[in-house]
Protein backbone atom coordinates (compact mmCIF):
# COMPACT_ATOMS: atom_id res chain seq x y z
CA ARG A 1 -13.09 37.20 28.18
CA ARG A 2 -11.73 34.23 30.13
CA PRO A 3 -8.35 32.77 29.20
CA LEU A 4 -8.57 29.36 27.54
CA ALA A 5 -6.74 27.62 30.38
CA SER A 6 -9.23 28.77 33.03
CA SER A 7 -12.26 27.76 30.96
CA LEU A 8 -11.06 24.15 30.89
CA ALA A 9 -11.74 23.77 34.62
CA TRP A 10 -15.51 23.38 34.22
CA LYS A 11 -15.76 21.20 31.13
CA PRO A 12 -15.57 17.75 32.82
CA GLU A 13 -18.60 18.63 34.94
CA LEU A 14 -20.57 19.13 31.72
CA GLY A 15 -19.70 15.62 30.59
CA THR A 16 -16.96 16.63 28.18
CA SER A 17 -14.66 13.71 27.50
CA VAL A 18 -12.63 15.01 24.53
CA VAL A 19 -11.11 18.42 23.83
CA ALA A 20 -9.58 18.89 20.37
CA PHE A 21 -7.65 21.98 19.32
CA SER A 22 -8.23 23.10 15.74
CA GLY A 23 -8.75 26.16 13.61
CA GLY A 24 -5.95 28.36 12.43
CA GLU A 25 -2.86 26.43 13.49
CA PRO A 26 -3.09 25.30 17.12
CA MET A 27 0.59 24.35 17.27
CA LEU A 28 1.36 28.08 17.21
CA HIS A 29 -0.33 28.55 20.61
CA PRO A 30 2.47 29.23 23.11
CA ASP A 31 0.73 27.28 25.91
CA LEU A 32 -0.44 24.27 23.92
CA ASP A 33 1.54 21.70 25.89
CA GLU A 34 0.30 23.08 29.22
CA LEU A 35 -3.28 23.10 27.94
CA ILE A 36 -2.92 19.45 26.91
CA ARG A 37 -1.54 18.59 30.37
CA ARG A 38 -4.49 20.36 32.05
CA ILE A 39 -6.96 18.43 29.91
CA ARG A 40 -5.29 15.12 30.73
CA ARG A 41 -5.16 15.92 34.48
CA ARG A 42 -8.94 16.29 34.30
CA ARG A 43 -9.16 12.82 32.72
CA MET A 44 -10.35 14.13 29.37
CA MET A 45 -8.80 13.14 26.05
CA ALA A 46 -6.69 15.77 24.28
CA GLY A 47 -6.60 16.01 20.49
CA LEU A 48 -5.04 18.24 17.90
CA ILE A 49 -5.94 18.98 14.29
CA THR A 50 -2.90 20.49 12.60
CA ASN A 51 -1.50 21.24 9.17
CA GLY A 52 1.54 19.19 10.19
CA TYR A 53 4.22 21.68 9.21
CA PHE A 54 5.66 22.00 12.74
CA LEU A 55 5.98 18.26 13.39
CA VAL A 56 9.67 17.64 13.94
CA PRO A 57 10.95 14.89 16.25
CA LYS A 58 11.58 17.24 19.20
CA ARG A 59 8.07 18.74 18.96
CA ILE A 60 6.45 15.31 18.65
CA GLN A 61 8.29 14.17 21.79
CA GLU A 62 7.04 17.28 23.63
CA LEU A 63 3.47 16.41 22.60
CA ASN A 64 4.05 12.86 23.86
CA ARG A 65 5.22 14.20 27.24
CA ALA A 66 2.25 16.58 27.43
CA GLY A 67 -0.07 13.57 27.07
CA LEU A 68 -1.63 14.16 23.65
CA ASP A 69 -4.07 11.36 22.80
CA PHE A 70 -4.64 11.91 19.08
CA LEU A 71 -3.61 14.10 16.18
CA GLN A 72 -5.14 14.60 12.75
CA ILE A 73 -3.62 16.06 9.61
CA SER A 74 -5.69 16.75 6.52
CA ILE A 75 -3.68 16.27 3.34
CA ASP A 76 -5.28 17.73 0.24
CA ASN A 77 -3.15 16.56 -2.67
CA LEU A 78 0.05 14.82 -3.75
CA GLU A 79 1.76 17.97 -5.05
CA PRO A 80 1.24 21.52 -3.79
CA ASP A 81 -0.78 23.78 -6.09
CA GLU A 82 -2.40 27.21 -5.98
CA VAL A 83 -5.38 25.82 -4.04
CA SER A 84 -3.50 23.99 -1.28
CA LYS A 85 0.06 23.53 -0.08
CA LYS A 86 -0.94 20.68 2.26
CA SER A 87 0.49 18.01 -0.03
CA LEU A 88 1.81 14.53 0.61
CA ARG A 89 5.13 15.49 -0.96
CA LEU A 90 5.63 18.31 1.56
CA LEU A 91 4.27 16.37 4.53
CA ASP A 92 5.56 12.84 3.97
CA ARG A 93 8.72 13.44 6.04
CA LYS A 94 6.49 14.74 8.87
CA LEU A 95 4.45 11.53 8.64
CA GLN A 96 7.65 9.51 8.95
CA HIS A 97 8.61 11.53 12.04
CA LEU A 98 5.20 10.72 13.52
CA LYS A 99 5.63 7.02 12.82
CA GLU A 100 9.05 7.03 14.47
CA HIS A 101 8.28 9.20 17.51
CA ALA A 102 4.56 9.59 18.28
CA THR A 103 3.04 7.64 21.14
CA PHE A 104 -0.40 9.15 20.40
CA ASP A 105 -2.86 8.02 17.72
CA VAL A 106 -2.53 9.64 14.30
CA ASN A 107 -5.29 10.02 11.71
CA ILE A 108 -4.66 11.22 8.18
CA ASN A 109 -7.66 12.76 6.46
CA SER A 110 -7.76 13.05 2.68
CA VAL A 111 -10.25 15.20 0.81
CA LEU A 112 -12.37 15.31 -2.31
CA GLY A 113 -14.46 18.10 -3.75
CA GLY A 114 -13.98 21.82 -4.35
CA GLY A 115 -10.63 22.69 -5.84
CA ILE A 116 -9.12 19.19 -5.70
CA ARG A 117 -7.94 18.48 -9.22
CA ASN A 118 -7.10 14.80 -9.02
CA PRO A 119 -9.45 12.64 -6.94
CA GLU A 120 -6.98 9.74 -7.13
CA ASP A 121 -4.72 11.73 -4.79
CA ALA A 122 -7.09 10.85 -1.92
CA ARG A 123 -6.60 7.14 -2.59
CA THR A 124 -2.80 7.52 -2.67
CA ILE A 125 -2.79 9.59 0.54
CA ASN A 126 -4.94 7.04 2.37
CA ASN A 127 -2.77 4.16 1.15
CA ARG A 128 0.38 5.91 2.35
CA ALA A 129 -1.17 6.65 5.74
CA ARG A 130 -2.20 3.03 6.21
CA GLN A 131 1.26 1.88 5.08
CA LEU A 132 2.67 3.94 7.97
CA GLY A 133 0.16 2.42 10.41
CA PHE A 134 -2.11 5.45 10.80
CA SER A 135 -5.87 5.52 10.79
CA THR A 136 -7.50 7.30 7.86
CA SER A 137 -10.62 9.23 7.00
CA ILE A 138 -11.93 11.01 3.94
CA GLY A 139 -13.88 14.23 3.72
CA ILE A 140 -15.64 16.34 1.13
CA ILE A 141 -14.60 19.98 1.10
CA HIS A 142 -16.49 23.01 -0.10
CA ASP A 143 -15.58 25.17 -3.06
CA GLY A 144 -14.22 28.71 -2.85
CA ALA A 145 -17.74 30.04 -2.28
CA GLY A 146 -18.33 27.73 0.68
CA ARG A 147 -20.70 25.36 -1.15
CA LEU A 148 -20.56 21.59 -1.34
CA LYS A 149 -20.99 20.27 -4.84
CA PRO A 150 -22.06 16.74 -5.78
CA LEU A 151 -19.18 14.38 -6.41
CA GLY A 152 -18.52 13.41 -10.00
CA ALA A 153 -18.19 9.77 -11.07
CA ALA A 154 -14.41 9.60 -10.54
CA GLU A 155 -14.68 11.32 -7.15
CA ARG A 156 -17.53 9.03 -6.09
CA ALA A 157 -15.51 5.93 -7.06
CA VAL A 158 -12.54 7.09 -4.98
CA TYR A 159 -14.80 8.03 -2.06
CA ASN A 160 -16.46 4.60 -2.09
CA ASP A 161 -13.14 2.73 -2.35
CA VAL A 162 -11.44 4.74 0.38
CA SER A 163 -14.51 4.52 2.63
CA ALA A 164 -14.58 0.75 2.19
CA ALA A 165 -10.93 0.56 3.26
CA ILE A 166 -11.68 2.44 6.49
CA SER A 167 -14.78 0.49 7.44
CA GLY A 168 -13.04 -2.44 9.12
CA PRO A 169 -13.81 -2.87 12.85
CA TRP A 170 -10.35 -1.79 14.06
CA GLN A 171 -10.30 1.24 11.77
CA VAL A 172 -13.77 2.35 12.86
CA PHE A 173 -12.78 1.90 16.51
CA LYS A 174 -9.65 4.04 16.07
CA ASN A 175 -11.62 6.78 14.31
CA LEU A 176 -14.32 6.78 17.01
CA TYR A 177 -11.66 6.82 19.72
CA SER A 178 -10.13 9.86 18.08
CA GLY A 179 -13.48 11.58 17.70
CA ILE A 180 -13.18 11.31 13.92
CA ARG A 181 -16.08 10.31 11.75
CA SER A 182 -15.32 8.79 8.38
């Protein structure tokens, strides 16, 4: 198996323009900053999808220096519960750190669907993200069995309202630039 760093050498020749690290928690990778620098040296965009827990000012500044282009955090609810600890209450300070220190684009994704008790949380999360100047997106997550279920009336109303708020030309441009589809 080839190390991740060596496999990046051939991607630009295949027409790759964006490399985003996700899955598990990419900020735990010991060579993340060097991988980002290698991507940027090859004139590709470097992105990161993270749970946000490791975003302290010093780490954000290191990501700036590495050349990170965009970062996304998915926030599932306002208060942590047994389904998800990725809550606005636990992550809001991290969002403030990003606002104060990040030179890269930030997208905050909220979710509806399986296991999310209060669909209004998605609206509140998106409003907070926009208040901080971040782009936003909304997704529908699967249930514990891996299935997508139809949205109920309350979920559909929130989805439509939040989607309408992210459909402006500048918002769509930022999401496309970040490789994020709303």
